[in-house]
Structures are given as C-alpha cells and as structure tokens.
Amino acid sequence: SIEEECKTKLSLFHGHVLTKNYDAAYEPWMYVRDNCPKLNIAIYKEGK
C-alpha cells in the first residue's frame, strides 16, 4: 500500500515540478522521500 502510494505521489510531484509549482510538489515529494527513498533518482534530482 505504501509503495503504491509512493508511486502515485511520485507522479504527482513530478508533474508539479514540470510546471515549476514547487509549493504543490513539496508535500507529495516529502512523502516519497520519507517512505520510499530508493524508489526513483527523481526524488533527489527534482528535490533540489
């Protein structure tokens, strides 16, 4: 369940980053970072 939620939120924050809506990206990004730190390198590249 956590992994599925991480994938959903990964897609969500990635979409916000593409539109430079960093405020909206912050919460789903932090969720993925805290719960699935090995899921995707985008956590660290886009987290910057």
ModelCIF file with pLDDT and N, C-alpha, C, O atoms, coordinates in Angstrom:
data_MODEL
#
_entry.id   MODEL 
#
_entity.id                         1 
_entity.type                       polymer 
_entity.pdbx_number_of_molecules   1 
#
_entity_poly.entity_id                      1 
_entity_poly.type                           'polypeptide(L)' 
_entity_poly.nstd_linkage                   no 
_entity_poly.nstd_monomer                   no 
_entity_poly.pdbx_seq_one_letter_code       SIEEECKTKLSLFHGHVLTKNYDAAYEPWMYVRDNCPKLNIAIYKEGK 
_entity_poly.pdbx_seq_one_letter_code_can   SIEEECKTKLSLFHGHVLTKNYDAAYEPWMYVRDNCPKLNIAIYKEGK 
_entity_poly.pdbx_strand_id                 A 
#
loop_
_entity_poly_seq.entity_id 
_entity_poly_seq.num 
_entity_poly_seq.mon_id 
_entity_poly_seq.hetero 
1 1  SER n 
1 2  ILE n 
1 3  GLU n 
1 4  GLU n 
1 5  GLU n 
1 6  CYS n 
1 7  LYS n 
1 8  THR n 
1 9  LYS n 
1 10 LEU n 
1 11 SER n 
1 12 LEU n 
1 13 PHE n 
1 14 HIS n 
1 15 GLY n 
1 16 HIS n 
1 17 VAL n 
1 18 LEU n 
1 19 THR n 
1 20 LYS n 
1 21 ASN n 
1 22 TYR n 
1 23 ASP n 
1 24 ALA n 
1 25 ALA n 
1 26 TYR n 
1 27 GLU n 
1 28 PRO n 
1 29 TRP n 
1 30 MET n 
1 31 TYR n 
1 32 VAL n 
1 33 ARG n 
1 34 ASP n 
1 35 ASN n 
1 36 CYS n 
1 37 PRO n 
1 38 LYS n 
1 39 LEU n 
1 40 ASN n 
1 41 ILE n 
1 42 ALA n 
1 43 ILE n 
1 44 TYR n 
1 45 LYS n 
1 46 GLU n 
1 47 GLY n 
1 48 LYS n 
#
_struct_asym.id          A 
_struct_asym.entity_id   1 
#
loop_
_ma_qa_metric.id 
_ma_qa_metric.mode 
_ma_qa_metric.name 
_ma_qa_metric.software_group_id 
_ma_qa_metric.type 
1 global pLDDT . pLDDT 
2 local  pLDDT . pLDDT 
#
_ma_qa_metric_global.metric_id      1 
_ma_qa_metric_global.metric_value   94.94 
_ma_qa_metric_global.model_id       1 
_ma_qa_metric_global.ordinal_id     1 
#
loop_
_ma_qa_metric_local.label_asym_id 
_ma_qa_metric_local.label_comp_id 
_ma_qa_metric_local.label_seq_id 
_ma_qa_metric_local.metric_id 
_ma_qa_metric_local.metric_value 
_ma_qa_metric_local.model_id 
_ma_qa_metric_local.ordinal_id 
A SER 1  2 83.00 1 1  
A ILE 2  2 88.00 1 2  
A GLU 3  2 88.00 1 3  
A GLU 4  2 92.00 1 4  
A GLU 5  2 93.00 1 5  
A CYS 6  2 95.00 1 6  
A LYS 7  2 94.00 1 7  
A THR 8  2 95.00 1 8  
A LYS 9  2 95.00 1 9  
A LEU 10 2 96.00 1 10 
A SER 11 2 95.00 1 11 
A LEU 12 2 95.00 1 12 
A PHE 13 2 93.00 1 13 
A HIS 14 2 95.00 1 14 
A GLY 15 2 96.00 1 15 
A HIS 16 2 96.00 1 16 
A VAL 17 2 96.00 1 17 
A LEU 18 2 96.00 1 18 
A THR 19 2 96.00 1 19 
A LYS 20 2 95.00 1 20 
A ASN 21 2 96.00 1 21 
A TYR 22 2 96.00 1 22 
A ASP 23 2 95.00 1 23 
A ALA 24 2 96.00 1 24 
A ALA 25 2 96.00 1 25 
A TYR 26 2 97.00 1 26 
A GLU 27 2 96.00 1 27 
A PRO 28 2 96.00 1 28 
A TRP 29 2 96.00 1 29 
A MET 30 2 96.00 1 30 
A TYR 31 2 96.00 1 31 
A VAL 32 2 96.00 1 32 
A ARG 33 2 96.00 1 33 
A ASP 34 2 95.00 1 34 
A ASN 35 2 95.00 1 35 
A CYS 36 2 95.00 1 36 
A PRO 37 2 96.00 1 37 
A LYS 38 2 96.00 1 38 
A LEU 39 2 95.00 1 39 
A ASN 40 2 96.00 1 40 
A ILE 41 2 96.00 1 41 
A ALA 42 2 96.00 1 42 
A ILE 43 2 96.00 1 43 
A TYR 44 2 96.00 1 44 
A LYS 45 2 96.00 1 45 
A GLU 46 2 97.00 1 46 
A GLY 47 2 96.00 1 47 
A LYS 48 2 96.00 1 48 
#
loop_
_atom_site.group_PDB 
_atom_site.id 
_atom_site.type_symbol 
_atom_site.label_atom_id 
_atom_site.label_alt_id 
_atom_site.label_comp_id 
_atom_site.label_asym_id 
_atom_site.label_entity_id 
_atom_site.label_seq_id 
_atom_site.pdbx_PDB_ins_code 
_atom_site.Cartn_x 
_atom_site.Cartn_y 
_atom_site.Cartn_z 
_atom_site.occupancy 
_atom_site.B_iso_or_equiv 
_atom_site.pdbx_formal_charge 
_atom_site.auth_seq_id 
_atom_site.auth_comp_id 
_atom_site.auth_asym_id 
_atom_site.auth_atom_id 
_atom_site.pdbx_PDB_model_num 
ATOM 1   N N  . SER A 1 1  ? 0.834  -1.204 0.000   1.00 83.00 ? 1  SER A N  1 
ATOM 2   C CA . SER A 1 1  ? 0.000  0.000  0.000   1.00 83.00 ? 1  SER A CA 1 
ATOM 3   C C  . SER A 1 1  ? 0.873  1.260  0.000   1.00 83.00 ? 1  SER A C  1 
ATOM 4   O O  . SER A 1 1  ? 0.599  2.219  -0.722  1.00 83.00 ? 1  SER A O  1 
ATOM 5   N N  . ILE A 1 2  ? 1.923  1.239  0.819   1.00 88.00 ? 2  ILE A N  1 
ATOM 6   C CA . ILE A 1 2  ? 2.860  2.366  0.885   1.00 88.00 ? 2  ILE A CA 1 
ATOM 7   C C  . ILE A 1 2  ? 3.535  2.573  -0.468  1.00 88.00 ? 2  ILE A C  1 
ATOM 8   O O  . ILE A 1 2  ? 3.665  3.698  -0.950  1.00 88.00 ? 2  ILE A O  1 
ATOM 9   N N  . GLU A 1 3  ? 3.963  1.461  -1.068  1.00 88.00 ? 3  GLU A N  1 
ATOM 10  C CA . GLU A 1 3  ? 4.675  1.546  -2.347  1.00 88.00 ? 3  GLU A CA 1 
ATOM 11  C C  . GLU A 1 3  ? 3.771  2.121  -3.434  1.00 88.00 ? 3  GLU A C  1 
ATOM 12  O O  . GLU A 1 3  ? 4.199  2.948  -4.239  1.00 88.00 ? 3  GLU A O  1 
ATOM 13  N N  . GLU A 1 4  ? 2.511  1.671  -3.446  1.00 92.00 ? 4  GLU A N  1 
ATOM 14  C CA . GLU A 1 4  ? 1.565  2.180  -4.428  1.00 92.00 ? 4  GLU A CA 1 
ATOM 15  C C  . GLU A 1 4  ? 1.315  3.675  -4.217  1.00 92.00 ? 4  GLU A C  1 
ATOM 16  O O  . GLU A 1 4  ? 1.225  4.449  -5.171  1.00 92.00 ? 4  GLU A O  1 
ATOM 17  N N  . GLU A 1 5  ? 1.205  4.063  -2.928  1.00 93.00 ? 5  GLU A N  1 
ATOM 18  C CA . GLU A 1 5  ? 1.001  5.479  -2.612  1.00 93.00 ? 5  GLU A CA 1 
ATOM 19  C C  . GLU A 1 5  ? 2.205  6.300  -3.050  1.00 93.00 ? 5  GLU A C  1 
ATOM 20  O O  . GLU A 1 5  ? 2.057  7.412  -3.558  1.00 93.00 ? 5  GLU A O  1 
ATOM 21  N N  . CYS A 1 6  ? 3.413  5.740  -2.846  1.00 95.00 ? 6  CYS A N  1 
ATOM 22  C CA . CYS A 1 6  ? 4.649  6.425  -3.252  1.00 95.00 ? 6  CYS A CA 1 
ATOM 23  C C  . CYS A 1 6  ? 4.669  6.661  -4.755  1.00 95.00 ? 6  CYS A C  1 
ATOM 24  O O  . CYS A 1 6  ? 5.040  7.738  -5.221  1.00 95.00 ? 6  CYS A O  1 
ATOM 25  N N  . LYS A 1 7  ? 4.261  5.631  -5.518  1.00 94.00 ? 7  LYS A N  1 
ATOM 26  C CA . LYS A 1 7  ? 4.262  5.764  -6.974  1.00 94.00 ? 7  LYS A CA 1 
ATOM 27  C C  . LYS A 1 7  ? 3.278  6.840  -7.422  1.00 94.00 ? 7  LYS A C  1 
ATOM 28  O O  . LYS A 1 7  ? 3.548  7.608  -8.345  1.00 94.00 ? 7  LYS A O  1 
ATOM 29  N N  . THR A 1 8  ? 2.130  6.876  -6.746  1.00 95.00 ? 8  THR A N  1 
ATOM 30  C CA . THR A 1 8  ? 1.126  7.900  -7.076  1.00 95.00 ? 8  THR A CA 1 
ATOM 31  C C  . THR A 1 8  ? 1.661  9.287  -6.792  1.00 95.00 ? 8  THR A C  1 
ATOM 32  O O  . THR A 1 8  ? 1.525  10.200 -7.607  1.00 95.00 ? 8  THR A O  1 
ATOM 33  N N  . LYS A 1 9  ? 2.278  9.436  -5.616  1.00 95.00 ? 9  LYS A N  1 
ATOM 34  C CA . LYS A 1 9  ? 2.789  10.751 -5.222  1.00 95.00 ? 9  LYS A CA 1 
ATOM 35  C C  . LYS A 1 9  ? 4.043  11.128 -6.023  1.00 95.00 ? 9  LYS A C  1 
ATOM 36  O O  . LYS A 1 9  ? 4.308  12.310 -6.242  1.00 95.00 ? 9  LYS A O  1 
ATOM 37  N N  . LEU A 1 10 ? 4.806  10.134 -6.455  1.00 96.00 ? 10 LEU A N  1 
ATOM 38  C CA . LEU A 1 10 ? 5.956  10.406 -7.317  1.00 96.00 ? 10 LEU A CA 1 
ATOM 39  C C  . LEU A 1 10 ? 5.491  11.065 -8.617  1.00 96.00 ? 10 LEU A C  1 
ATOM 40  O O  . LEU A 1 10 ? 6.053  12.066 -9.062  1.00 96.00 ? 10 LEU A O  1 
ATOM 41  N N  . SER A 1 11 ? 4.448  10.477 -9.213  1.00 95.00 ? 11 SER A N  1 
ATOM 42  C CA . SER A 1 11 ? 3.887  11.040 -10.438 1.00 95.00 ? 11 SER A CA 1 
ATOM 43  C C  . SER A 1 11 ? 3.329  12.435 -10.189 1.00 95.00 ? 11 SER A C  1 
ATOM 44  O O  . SER A 1 11 ? 3.439  13.324 -11.033 1.00 95.00 ? 11 SER A O  1 
ATOM 45  N N  . LEU A 1 12 ? 2.723  12.611 -9.008  1.00 95.00 ? 12 LEU A N  1 
ATOM 46  C CA . LEU A 1 12 ? 2.106  13.888 -8.660  1.00 95.00 ? 12 LEU A CA 1 
ATOM 47  C C  . LEU A 1 12 ? 3.160  14.985 -8.522  1.00 95.00 ? 12 LEU A C  1 
ATOM 48  O O  . LEU A 1 12 ? 3.031  16.051 -9.123  1.00 95.00 ? 12 LEU A O  1 
ATOM 49  N N  . PHE A 1 13 ? 4.210  14.723 -7.727  1.00 93.00 ? 13 PHE A N  1 
ATOM 50  C CA . PHE A 1 13 ? 5.207  15.789 -7.532  1.00 93.00 ? 13 PHE A CA 1 
ATOM 51  C C  . PHE A 1 13 ? 6.012  16.034 -8.812  1.00 93.00 ? 13 PHE A C  1 
ATOM 52  O O  . PHE A 1 13 ? 6.443  17.158 -9.070  1.00 93.00 ? 13 PHE A O  1 
ATOM 53  N N  . HIS A 1 14 ? 6.213  14.986 -9.607  1.00 95.00 ? 14 HIS A N  1 
ATOM 54  C CA . HIS A 1 14 ? 6.923  15.166 -10.873 1.00 95.00 ? 14 HIS A CA 1 
ATOM 55  C C  . HIS A 1 14 ? 6.157  16.112 -11.791 1.00 95.00 ? 14 HIS A C  1 
ATOM 56  O O  . HIS A 1 14 ? 6.753  16.967 -12.446 1.00 95.00 ? 14 HIS A O  1 
ATOM 57  N N  . GLY A 1 15 ? 4.837  15.958 -11.836 1.00 96.00 ? 15 GLY A N  1 
ATOM 58  C CA . GLY A 1 15 ? 4.008  16.837 -12.656 1.00 96.00 ? 15 GLY A CA 1 
ATOM 59  C C  . GLY A 1 15 ? 4.089  18.282 -12.193 1.00 96.00 ? 15 GLY A C  1 
ATOM 60  O O  . GLY A 1 15 ? 4.157  19.198 -13.012 1.00 96.00 ? 15 GLY A O  1 
ATOM 61  N N  . HIS A 1 16 ? 4.081  18.488 -10.870 1.00 96.00 ? 16 HIS A N  1 
ATOM 62  C CA . HIS A 1 16 ? 4.188  19.849 -10.331 1.00 96.00 ? 16 HIS A CA 1 
ATOM 63  C C  . HIS A 1 16 ? 5.563  20.463 -10.624 1.00 96.00 ? 16 HIS A C  1 
ATOM 64  O O  . HIS A 1 16 ? 5.674  21.659 -10.895 1.00 96.00 ? 16 HIS A O  1 
ATOM 65  N N  . VAL A 1 17 ? 6.588  19.642 -10.566 1.00 96.00 ? 17 VAL A N  1 
ATOM 66  C CA . VAL A 1 17 ? 7.938  20.146 -10.860 1.00 96.00 ? 17 VAL A CA 1 
ATOM 67  C C  . VAL A 1 17 ? 8.031  20.600 -12.309 1.00 96.00 ? 17 VAL A C  1 
ATOM 68  O O  . VAL A 1 17 ? 8.649  21.622 -12.607 1.00 96.00 ? 17 VAL A O  1 
ATOM 69  N N  . LEU A 1 18 ? 7.414  19.834 -13.212 1.00 96.00 ? 18 LEU A N  1 
ATOM 70  C CA . LEU A 1 18 ? 7.452  20.194 -14.636 1.00 96.00 ? 18 LEU A CA 1 
ATOM 71  C C  . LEU A 1 18 ? 6.826  21.563 -14.881 1.00 96.00 ? 18 LEU A C  1 
ATOM 72  O O  . LEU A 1 18 ? 7.246  22.286 -15.785 1.00 96.00 ? 18 LEU A O  1 
ATOM 73  N N  . THR A 1 19 ? 5.830  21.918 -14.087 1.00 96.00 ? 19 THR A N  1 
ATOM 74  C CA . THR A 1 19 ? 5.177  23.229 -14.235 1.00 96.00 ? 19 THR A CA 1 
ATOM 75  C C  . THR A 1 19 ? 5.754  24.265 -13.263 1.00 96.00 ? 19 THR A C  1 
ATOM 76  O O  . THR A 1 19 ? 5.242  25.378 -13.136 1.00 96.00 ? 19 THR A O  1 
ATOM 77  N N  . LYS A 1 20 ? 6.833  23.865 -12.584 1.00 95.00 ? 20 LYS A N  1 
ATOM 78  C CA . LYS A 1 20 ? 7.522  24.739 -11.620 1.00 95.00 ? 20 LYS A CA 1 
ATOM 79  C C  . LYS A 1 20 ? 6.626  25.180 -10.459 1.00 95.00 ? 20 LYS A C  1 
ATOM 80  O O  . LYS A 1 20 ? 6.824  26.247 -9.879  1.00 95.00 ? 20 LYS A O  1 
ATOM 81  N N  . ASN A 1 21 ? 5.643  24.346 -10.133 1.00 96.00 ? 21 ASN A N  1 
ATOM 82  C CA . ASN A 1 21 ? 4.773  24.604 -8.983  1.00 96.00 ? 21 ASN A CA 1 
ATOM 83  C C  . ASN A 1 21 ? 5.396  23.872 -7.783  1.00 96.00 ? 21 ASN A C  1 
ATOM 84  O O  . ASN A 1 21 ? 4.896  22.838 -7.342  1.00 96.00 ? 21 ASN A O  1 
ATOM 85  N N  . TYR A 1 22 ? 6.471  24.420 -7.279  1.00 96.00 ? 22 TYR A N  1 
ATOM 86  C CA . TYR A 1 22 ? 7.257  23.732 -6.252  1.00 96.00 ? 22 TYR A CA 1 
ATOM 87  C C  . TYR A 1 22 ? 6.535  23.639 -4.913  1.00 96.00 ? 22 TYR A C  1 
ATOM 88  O O  . TYR A 1 22 ? 6.740  22.687 -4.159  1.00 96.00 ? 22 TYR A O  1 
ATOM 89  N N  . ASP A 1 23 ? 5.691  24.624 -4.615  1.00 95.00 ? 23 ASP A N  1 
ATOM 90  C CA . ASP A 1 23 ? 4.941  24.563 -3.355  1.00 95.00 ? 23 ASP A CA 1 
ATOM 91  C C  . ASP A 1 23 ? 4.025  23.346 -3.326  1.00 95.00 ? 23 ASP A C  1 
ATOM 92  O O  . ASP A 1 23 ? 3.951  22.634 -2.325  1.00 95.00 ? 23 ASP A O  1 
ATOM 93  N N  . ALA A 1 24 ? 3.328  23.118 -4.440  1.00 96.00 ? 24 ALA A N  1 
ATOM 94  C CA . ALA A 1 24 ? 2.415  21.973 -4.520  1.00 96.00 ? 24 ALA A CA 1 
ATOM 95  C C  . ALA A 1 24 ? 3.186  20.654 -4.546  1.00 96.00 ? 24 ALA A C  1 
ATOM 96  O O  . ALA A 1 24 ? 2.681  19.621 -4.107  1.00 96.00 ? 24 ALA A O  1 
ATOM 97  N N  . ALA A 1 25 ? 4.410  20.699 -5.064  1.00 96.00 ? 25 ALA A N  1 
ATOM 98  C CA . ALA A 1 25 ? 5.226  19.477 -5.175  1.00 96.00 ? 25 ALA A CA 1 
ATOM 99  C C  . ALA A 1 25 ? 5.785  19.041 -3.818  1.00 96.00 ? 25 ALA A C  1 
ATOM 100 O O  . ALA A 1 25 ? 6.090  17.864 -3.624  1.00 96.00 ? 25 ALA A O  1 
ATOM 101 N N  . TYR A 1 26 ? 5.919  19.979 -2.886  1.00 97.00 ? 26 TYR A N  1 
ATOM 102 C CA . TYR A 1 26 ? 6.649  19.711 -1.647  1.00 97.00 ? 26 TYR A CA 1 
ATOM 103 C C  . TYR A 1 26 ? 6.060  18.553 -0.837  1.00 97.00 ? 26 TYR A C  1 
ATOM 104 O O  . TYR A 1 26 ? 6.792  17.643 -0.449  1.00 97.00 ? 26 TYR A O  1 
ATOM 105 N N  . GLU A 1 27 ? 4.762  18.574 -0.580  1.00 96.00 ? 27 GLU A N  1 
ATOM 106 C CA . GLU A 1 27 ? 4.157  17.544 0.299   1.00 96.00 ? 27 GLU A CA 1 
ATOM 107 C C  . GLU A 1 27 ? 4.265  16.131 -0.294  1.00 96.00 ? 27 GLU A C  1 
ATOM 108 O O  . GLU A 1 27 ? 4.750  15.228 0.388   1.00 96.00 ? 27 GLU A O  1 
ATOM 109 N N  . PRO A 1 28 ? 3.824  15.913 -1.550  1.00 96.00 ? 28 PRO A N  1 
ATOM 110 C CA . PRO A 1 28 ? 3.955  14.555 -2.094  1.00 96.00 ? 28 PRO A CA 1 
ATOM 111 C C  . PRO A 1 28 ? 5.422  14.129 -2.233  1.00 96.00 ? 28 PRO A C  1 
ATOM 112 O O  . PRO A 1 28 ? 5.754  12.955 -2.073  1.00 96.00 ? 28 PRO A O  1 
ATOM 113 N N  . TRP A 1 29 ? 6.278  15.081 -2.529  1.00 96.00 ? 29 TRP A N  1 
ATOM 114 C CA . TRP A 1 29 ? 7.713  14.756 -2.638  1.00 96.00 ? 29 TRP A CA 1 
ATOM 115 C C  . TRP A 1 29 ? 8.275  14.280 -1.298  1.00 96.00 ? 29 TRP A C  1 
ATOM 116 O O  . TRP A 1 29 ? 9.011  13.295 -1.244  1.00 96.00 ? 29 TRP A O  1 
ATOM 117 N N  . MET A 1 30 ? 7.925  14.986 -0.216  1.00 96.00 ? 30 MET A N  1 
ATOM 118 C CA . MET A 1 30 ? 8.412  14.604 1.109   1.00 96.00 ? 30 MET A CA 1 
ATOM 119 C C  . MET A 1 30 ? 7.877  13.223 1.513   1.00 96.00 ? 30 MET A C  1 
ATOM 120 O O  . MET A 1 30 ? 8.573  12.450 2.171   1.00 96.00 ? 30 MET A O  1 
ATOM 121 N N  . TYR A 1 31 ? 6.660  12.931 1.119   1.00 96.00 ? 31 TYR A N  1 
ATOM 122 C CA . TYR A 1 31 ? 6.088  11.617 1.439   1.00 96.00 ? 31 TYR A CA 1 
ATOM 123 C C  . TYR A 1 31 ? 6.923  10.520 0.784   1.00 96.00 ? 31 TYR A C  1 
ATOM 124 O O  . TYR A 1 31 ? 7.287  9.539  1.433   1.00 96.00 ? 31 TYR A O  1 
ATOM 125 N N  . VAL A 1 32 ? 7.223  10.690 -0.497  1.00 96.00 ? 32 VAL A N  1 
ATOM 126 C CA . VAL A 1 32 ? 8.011  9.679  -1.218  1.00 96.00 ? 32 VAL A CA 1 
ATOM 127 C C  . VAL A 1 32 ? 9.417  9.602  -0.644  1.00 96.00 ? 32 VAL A C  1 
ATOM 128 O O  . VAL A 1 32 ? 9.962  8.514  -0.459  1.00 96.00 ? 32 VAL A O  1 
ATOM 129 N N  . ARG A 1 33 ? 9.993  10.744 -0.366  1.00 96.00 ? 33 ARG A N  1 
ATOM 130 C CA . ARG A 1 33 ? 11.357 10.783 0.180   1.00 96.00 ? 33 ARG A CA 1 
ATOM 131 C C  . ARG A 1 33 ? 11.444 10.046 1.508   1.00 96.00 ? 33 ARG A C  1 
ATOM 132 O O  . ARG A 1 33 ? 12.403 9.312  1.746   1.00 96.00 ? 33 ARG A O  1 
ATOM 133 N N  . ASP A 1 34 ? 10.450 10.232 2.378   1.00 95.00 ? 34 ASP A N  1 
ATOM 134 C CA . ASP A 1 34 ? 10.468 9.624  3.715   1.00 95.00 ? 34 ASP A CA 1 
ATOM 135 C C  . ASP A 1 34 ? 10.124 8.134  3.683   1.00 95.00 ? 34 ASP A C  1 
ATOM 136 O O  . ASP A 1 34 ? 10.678 7.345  4.449   1.00 95.00 ? 34 ASP A O  1 
ATOM 137 N N  . ASN A 1 35 ? 9.212  7.760  2.794   1.00 95.00 ? 35 ASN A N  1 
ATOM 138 C CA . ASN A 1 35 ? 8.696  6.392  2.821   1.00 95.00 ? 35 ASN A CA 1 
ATOM 139 C C  . ASN A 1 35 ? 9.307  5.450  1.795   1.00 95.00 ? 35 ASN A C  1 
ATOM 140 O O  . ASN A 1 35 ? 9.347  4.239  2.014   1.00 95.00 ? 35 ASN A O  1 
ATOM 141 N N  . CYS A 1 36 ? 9.784  5.989  0.678   1.00 95.00 ? 36 CYS A N  1 
ATOM 142 C CA . CYS A 1 36 ? 10.340 5.134  -0.387  1.00 95.00 ? 36 CYS A CA 1 
ATOM 143 C C  . CYS A 1 36 ? 11.623 5.761  -0.940  1.00 95.00 ? 36 CYS A C  1 
ATOM 144 O O  . CYS A 1 36 ? 11.672 6.094  -2.124  1.00 95.00 ? 36 CYS A O  1 
ATOM 145 N N  . PRO A 1 37 ? 12.643 5.927  -0.129  1.00 96.00 ? 37 PRO A N  1 
ATOM 146 C CA . PRO A 1 37 ? 13.847 6.662  -0.547  1.00 96.00 ? 37 PRO A CA 1 
ATOM 147 C C  . PRO A 1 37 ? 14.610 6.040  -1.713  1.00 96.00 ? 37 PRO A C  1 
ATOM 148 O O  . PRO A 1 37 ? 15.431 6.706  -2.343  1.00 96.00 ? 37 PRO A O  1 
ATOM 149 N N  . LYS A 1 38 ? 14.339 4.754  -2.005  1.00 96.00 ? 38 LYS A N  1 
ATOM 150 C CA . LYS A 1 38 ? 15.042 4.085  -3.104  1.00 96.00 ? 38 LYS A CA 1 
ATOM 151 C C  . LYS A 1 38 ? 14.193 3.971  -4.368  1.00 96.00 ? 38 LYS A C  1 
ATOM 152 O O  . LYS A 1 38 ? 14.598 3.324  -5.333  1.00 96.00 ? 38 LYS A O  1 
ATOM 153 N N  . LEU A 1 39 ? 13.025 4.594  -4.365  1.00 95.00 ? 39 LEU A N  1 
ATOM 154 C CA . LEU A 1 39 ? 12.077 4.384  -5.456  1.00 95.00 ? 39 LEU A CA 1 
ATOM 155 C C  . LEU A 1 39 ? 12.584 4.913  -6.794  1.00 95.00 ? 39 LEU A C  1 
ATOM 156 O O  . LEU A 1 39 ? 12.497 4.216  -7.805  1.00 95.00 ? 39 LEU A O  1 
ATOM 157 N N  . ASN A 1 40 ? 13.119 6.154  -6.814  1.00 96.00 ? 40 ASN A N  1 
ATOM 158 C CA . ASN A 1 40 ? 13.494 6.773  -8.086  1.00 96.00 ? 40 ASN A CA 1 
ATOM 159 C C  . ASN A 1 40 ? 14.503 7.898  -7.835  1.00 96.00 ? 40 ASN A C  1 
ATOM 160 O O  . ASN A 1 40 ? 14.379 8.645  -6.865  1.00 96.00 ? 40 ASN A O  1 
ATOM 161 N N  . ILE A 1 41 ? 15.494 8.012  -8.707  1.00 96.00 ? 41 ILE A N  1 
ATOM 162 C CA . ILE A 1 41 ? 16.506 9.062  -8.567  1.00 96.00 ? 41 ILE A CA 1 
ATOM 163 C C  . ILE A 1 41 ? 15.889 10.454 -8.658  1.00 96.00 ? 41 ILE A C  1 
ATOM 164 O O  . ILE A 1 41 ? 16.496 11.430 -8.217  1.00 96.00 ? 41 ILE A O  1 
ATOM 165 N N  . ALA A 1 42 ? 14.683 10.555 -9.230  1.00 96.00 ? 42 ALA A N  1 
ATOM 166 C CA . ALA A 1 42 ? 13.998 11.850 -9.340  1.00 96.00 ? 42 ALA A CA 1 
ATOM 167 C C  . ALA A 1 42 ? 13.750 12.475 -7.970  1.00 96.00 ? 42 ALA A C  1 
ATOM 168 O O  . ALA A 1 42 ? 13.648 13.696 -7.850  1.00 96.00 ? 42 ALA A O  1 
ATOM 169 N N  . ILE A 1 43 ? 13.653 11.639 -6.938  1.00 96.00 ? 43 ILE A N  1 
ATOM 170 C CA . ILE A 1 43 ? 13.471 12.157 -5.571  1.00 96.00 ? 43 ILE A CA 1 
ATOM 171 C C  . ILE A 1 43 ? 14.582 13.156 -5.257  1.00 96.00 ? 43 ILE A C  1 
ATOM 172 O O  . ILE A 1 43 ? 14.335 14.167 -4.599  1.00 96.00 ? 43 ILE A O  1 
ATOM 173 N N  . TYR A 1 44 ? 15.791 12.885 -5.715  1.00 96.00 ? 44 TYR A N  1 
ATOM 174 C CA . TYR A 1 44 ? 16.962 13.693 -5.375  1.00 96.00 ? 44 TYR A CA 1 
ATOM 175 C C  . TYR A 1 44 ? 17.282 14.743 -6.438  1.00 96.00 ? 44 TYR A C  1 
ATOM 176 O O  . TYR A 1 44 ? 17.714 15.852 -6.125  1.00 96.00 ? 44 TYR A O  1 
ATOM 177 N N  . LYS A 1 45 ? 17.063 14.374 -7.691  1.00 96.00 ? 45 LYS A N  1 
ATOM 178 C CA . LYS A 1 45 ? 17.322 15.335 -8.759  1.00 96.00 ? 45 LYS A CA 1 
ATOM 179 C C  . LYS A 1 45 ? 16.282 16.453 -8.747  1.00 96.00 ? 45 LYS A C  1 
ATOM 180 O O  . LYS A 1 45 ? 16.634 17.630 -8.821  1.00 96.00 ? 45 LYS A O  1 
ATOM 181 N N  . GLU A 1 46 ? 15.000 16.088 -8.655  1.00 97.00 ? 46 GLU A N  1 
ATOM 182 C CA . GLU A 1 46 ? 13.952 17.095 -8.662  1.00 97.00 ? 46 GLU A CA 1 
ATOM 183 C C  . GLU A 1 46 ? 13.762 17.721 -7.280  1.00 97.00 ? 46 GLU A C  1 
ATOM 184 O O  . GLU A 1 46 ? 13.242 18.829 -7.154  1.00 97.00 ? 46 GLU A O  1 
ATOM 185 N N  . GLY A 1 47 ? 14.190 16.996 -6.250  1.00 96.00 ? 47 GLY A N  1 
ATOM 186 C CA . GLY A 1 47 ? 14.124 17.556 -4.896  1.00 96.00 ? 47 GLY A CA 1 
ATOM 187 C C  . GLY A 1 47 ? 14.991 18.784 -4.744  1.00 96.00 ? 47 GLY A C  1 
ATOM 188 O O  . GLY A 1 47 ? 14.690 19.670 -3.944  1.00 96.00 ? 47 GLY A O  1 
ATOM 189 N N  . LYS A 1 48 ? 16.058 18.840 -5.502  1.00 96.00 ? 48 LYS A N  1 
ATOM 190 C CA . LYS A 1 48 ? 16.950 20.008 -5.473  1.00 96.00 ? 48 LYS A CA 1 
ATOM 191 C C  . LYS A 1 48 ? 16.173 21.282 -5.810  1.00 96.00 ? 48 LYS A C  1 
ATOM 192 O O  . LYS A 1 48 ? 16.751 22.369 -5.836  1.00 96.00 ? 48 LYS A O  1 
#
